[in-house]
Amino acid sequence: MAKTEYFELGYLAKPHGLKGAFHVFMDVDDPYEYEDLDAVFVQQGNEMVPFFIEDLQIRENLNLMNLEGIDSLDAAKEMVGSKLFLPIAMLPKLKDDQFYYHEIVDYQVNDQVLGALGTVKEVYSTGAQDVIIMIYQGVEVLIPLTDEIVPKVDKQNKVITTHLPDGLLDVYMNESYDAD
């Protein structure tokens, strides 16, 4: 399967104990939906490598995972930071007005005032706020993903309606702006 057929579940944050267990960060709304997993795909380079899960403990502030074949602290250390993936088919179903970030890549962005602007390249979480990365006239523009700025996502027509704050595009289009 191609990487586009997976969604990112989280990553192996750090070793736990001496027998190859991991603290796992799960980047999902409800980790408990995944407590019965039998396997995950671990990204190693450009490959998605399947691993059977020997044990998975979902707790309020701590998720622990043991992967088959990883049975020492040294083996676990080599995998720390590796991203975990599952097939997209395993994503929980959403309501009609909800969407997963990977779904809106390549959607057309139309502003209520400015009209058609560009397409979504990616959705990125900064930690403080999620942003849409849009290509506008060949330039990457970051659009905060809030209900006020992105009031509507039309999945059927693959269109995102925005209400951009005054001057947002100017910040990126100003010749003196340097992203480096």
Protein backbone atom coordinates (compact mmCIF):
# COMPACT_ATOMS: atom_id res chain seq x y z
CA MET A 1 0.00 0.00 0.00
CA ALA A 2 1.12 3.55 -0.69
CA LYS A 3 1.67 5.91 2.23
CA THR A 4 -1.44 7.84 1.15
CA GLU A 5 -3.50 4.78 2.12
CA TYR A 6 -2.52 5.17 5.78
CA PHE A 7 -3.19 7.69 8.52
CA GLU A 8 -0.74 8.66 11.22
CA LEU A 9 -1.75 7.20 14.57
CA GLY A 10 1.14 8.69 16.55
CA TYR A 11 4.75 7.85 17.29
CA LEU A 12 7.03 5.89 19.58
CA ALA A 13 7.94 8.57 22.11
CA LYS A 14 10.53 6.90 24.35
CA PRO A 15 11.51 3.52 25.78
CA HIS A 16 9.74 2.22 28.88
CA GLY A 17 11.67 -0.19 31.06
CA LEU A 18 14.38 -2.56 29.90
CA LYS A 19 12.40 -5.07 27.81
CA GLY A 20 11.62 -3.04 24.69
CA ALA A 21 8.33 -1.37 25.63
CA PHE A 22 7.50 2.15 24.47
CA HIS A 23 5.70 5.22 25.67
CA VAL A 24 3.46 5.96 22.70
CA PHE A 25 2.06 9.36 21.76
CA MET A 26 -1.28 8.85 20.01
CA ASP A 27 -2.39 11.82 17.92
CA VAL A 28 -6.08 10.94 17.95
CA ASP A 29 -9.17 12.34 19.63
CA ASP A 30 -9.97 9.16 21.55
CA PRO A 31 -7.08 6.72 22.11
CA TYR A 32 -9.49 4.22 23.68
CA GLU A 33 -10.94 3.58 20.20
CA TYR A 34 -7.65 1.86 19.39
CA GLU A 35 -7.11 -0.24 22.53
CA ASP A 36 -7.90 -3.53 20.73
CA LEU A 37 -5.30 -3.09 17.97
CA ASP A 38 -3.45 -6.22 16.90
CA ALA A 39 -0.87 -4.53 14.67
CA VAL A 40 0.51 -1.19 13.50
CA PHE A 41 2.69 -0.06 10.64
CA VAL A 42 5.95 1.62 11.65
CA GLN A 43 7.54 3.99 9.17
CA GLN A 44 11.17 3.02 8.63
CA GLY A 45 12.67 5.23 5.95
CA ASN A 46 10.23 5.12 3.04
CA GLU A 47 8.82 1.76 4.07
CA MET A 48 5.76 0.94 6.14
CA VAL A 49 6.77 -2.10 8.20
CA PRO A 50 4.02 -4.10 9.96
CA PHE A 51 4.51 -5.03 13.62
CA PHE A 52 2.23 -7.16 15.74
CA ILE A 53 1.33 -5.60 19.08
CA GLU A 54 2.06 -7.87 22.03
CA ASP A 55 0.58 -5.50 24.59
CA LEU A 56 -1.11 -2.10 24.46
CA GLN A 57 -2.19 -0.18 27.54
CA ILE A 58 -4.21 2.99 27.05
CA ARG A 59 -4.32 5.19 30.12
CA GLU A 60 -5.37 8.75 30.85
CA ASN A 61 -1.90 10.30 30.47
CA LEU A 62 0.24 7.36 29.37
CA ASN A 63 0.04 4.84 26.55
CA LEU A 64 2.38 1.85 26.65
CA MET A 65 3.06 -0.52 23.74
CA ASN A 66 5.11 -3.69 23.26
CA LEU A 67 5.87 -4.69 19.68
CA GLU A 68 6.68 -8.25 18.66
CA GLY A 69 10.41 -8.69 18.06
CA ILE A 70 11.43 -5.64 20.09
CA ASP A 71 12.60 -7.10 23.38
CA SER A 72 15.46 -4.94 24.64
CA LEU A 73 16.13 -1.36 25.61
CA ASP A 74 18.70 -1.03 22.81
CA ALA A 75 16.23 -2.26 20.18
CA ALA A 76 13.59 0.17 21.49
CA LYS A 77 16.03 3.11 21.46
CA GLU A 78 16.66 2.54 17.73
CA MET A 79 12.95 2.98 17.00
CA VAL A 80 12.22 6.02 19.18
CA GLY A 81 10.62 8.76 17.10
CA SER A 82 9.26 6.33 14.50
CA LYS A 83 5.78 7.21 13.30
CA LEU A 84 2.93 4.73 13.68
CA PHE A 85 0.33 4.29 10.95
CA LEU A 86 -2.89 2.39 10.33
CA PRO A 87 -4.87 1.84 7.10
CA ILE A 88 -7.31 4.68 6.39
CA ALA A 89 -10.14 2.13 6.43
CA MET A 90 -9.64 1.88 10.22
CA LEU A 91 -10.50 5.54 10.86
CA PRO A 92 -13.72 6.03 12.83
CA LYS A 93 -16.60 7.40 10.75
CA LEU A 94 -17.32 11.10 11.18
CA LYS A 95 -20.45 13.20 11.00
CA ASP A 96 -21.13 14.98 7.71
CA ASP A 97 -19.81 18.32 8.99
CA GLN A 98 -16.55 16.80 10.28
CA PHE A 99 -13.40 15.88 8.34
CA TYR A 100 -9.99 14.38 8.75
CA TYR A 101 -7.08 16.61 7.81
CA HIS A 102 -5.76 14.23 5.15
CA GLU A 103 -9.15 14.41 3.40
CA ILE A 104 -8.90 18.12 2.58
CA VAL A 105 -5.51 18.02 0.85
CA ASP A 106 -5.98 19.32 -2.73
CA TYR A 107 -9.33 20.96 -1.87
CA GLN A 108 -9.98 24.34 -3.48
CA VAL A 109 -9.88 27.30 -1.06
CA ASN A 110 -12.49 29.98 -1.77
CA ASP A 111 -12.64 33.12 0.33
CA GLN A 112 -16.02 34.77 0.94
CA VAL A 113 -14.60 38.15 -0.13
CA LEU A 114 -11.62 37.37 -2.37
CA GLY A 115 -12.98 34.36 -4.26
CA ALA A 116 -10.85 31.41 -5.43
CA LEU A 117 -7.40 31.50 -3.83
CA GLY A 118 -5.61 28.20 -4.29
CA THR A 119 -5.44 24.62 -3.10
CA VAL A 120 -4.64 22.94 0.19
CA LYS A 121 -1.15 21.47 0.17
CA GLU A 122 -1.16 20.16 3.74
CA VAL A 123 -2.67 20.59 7.19
CA TYR A 124 -0.16 21.08 9.97
CA SER A 125 -0.49 21.16 13.73
CA THR A 126 1.76 23.73 15.38
CA GLY A 127 0.84 22.50 18.84
CA ALA A 128 -0.90 25.76 19.67
CA GLN A 129 -3.09 25.77 16.57
CA ASP A 130 -3.73 23.76 13.42
CA VAL A 131 -3.15 25.49 10.09
CA ILE A 132 -3.97 24.86 6.47
CA ILE A 133 -1.01 25.28 4.16
CA MET A 134 -2.34 26.69 0.92
CA ILE A 135 -0.48 27.50 -2.28
CA TYR A 136 -1.49 31.01 -3.38
CA GLN A 137 0.18 32.44 -6.49
CA GLY A 138 3.10 30.08 -5.98
CA VAL A 139 3.59 31.05 -2.31
CA GLU A 140 2.80 28.97 0.79
CA VAL A 141 0.21 30.69 2.96
CA LEU A 142 -0.73 29.48 6.44
CA ILE A 143 -4.42 29.75 7.29
CA PRO A 144 -5.45 29.19 10.92
CA LEU A 145 -7.96 26.36 11.09
CA THR A 146 -10.65 27.95 13.26
CA ASP A 147 -14.43 28.04 12.86
CA GLU A 148 -14.30 31.81 12.32
CA ILE A 149 -11.71 31.68 9.53
CA VAL A 150 -12.85 28.36 8.00
CA PRO A 151 -16.63 28.36 8.45
CA LYS A 152 -17.40 25.63 5.89
CA VAL A 153 -15.84 22.54 4.33
CA ASP A 154 -17.83 21.07 1.43
CA LYS A 155 -16.60 17.49 1.10
CA GLN A 156 -18.86 16.68 -1.84
CA ASN A 157 -17.44 19.50 -4.01
CA LYS A 158 -13.98 19.52 -2.37
CA VAL A 159 -14.18 23.22 -1.48
CA ILE A 160 -13.12 25.02 1.68
CA THR A 161 -14.81 28.36 2.33
CA THR A 162 -12.75 30.88 4.28
CA HIS A 163 -13.17 34.30 5.75
CA LEU A 164 -9.54 35.44 5.89
CA PRO A 165 -8.53 38.24 8.25
CA ASP A 166 -7.72 41.50 6.47
CA GLY A 167 -4.08 41.60 5.41
CA LEU A 168 -3.32 37.89 5.89
CA LEU A 169 -2.40 37.33 2.24
CA ASP A 170 -0.43 40.59 2.18
CA VAL A 171 1.93 39.25 4.83
CA TYR A 172 2.92 36.40 2.51
CA MET A 173 2.86 38.36 -0.74
CA ASN A 174 5.00 41.25 0.55
CA GLU A 175 8.34 41.08 -1.26
CA SER A 176 10.25 41.81 1.95
CA TYR A 177 8.73 38.73 3.61
CA ASP A 178 11.36 36.01 3.91
CA ALA A 179 10.27 32.59 5.16
CA ASP A 180 13.85 31.50 5.93
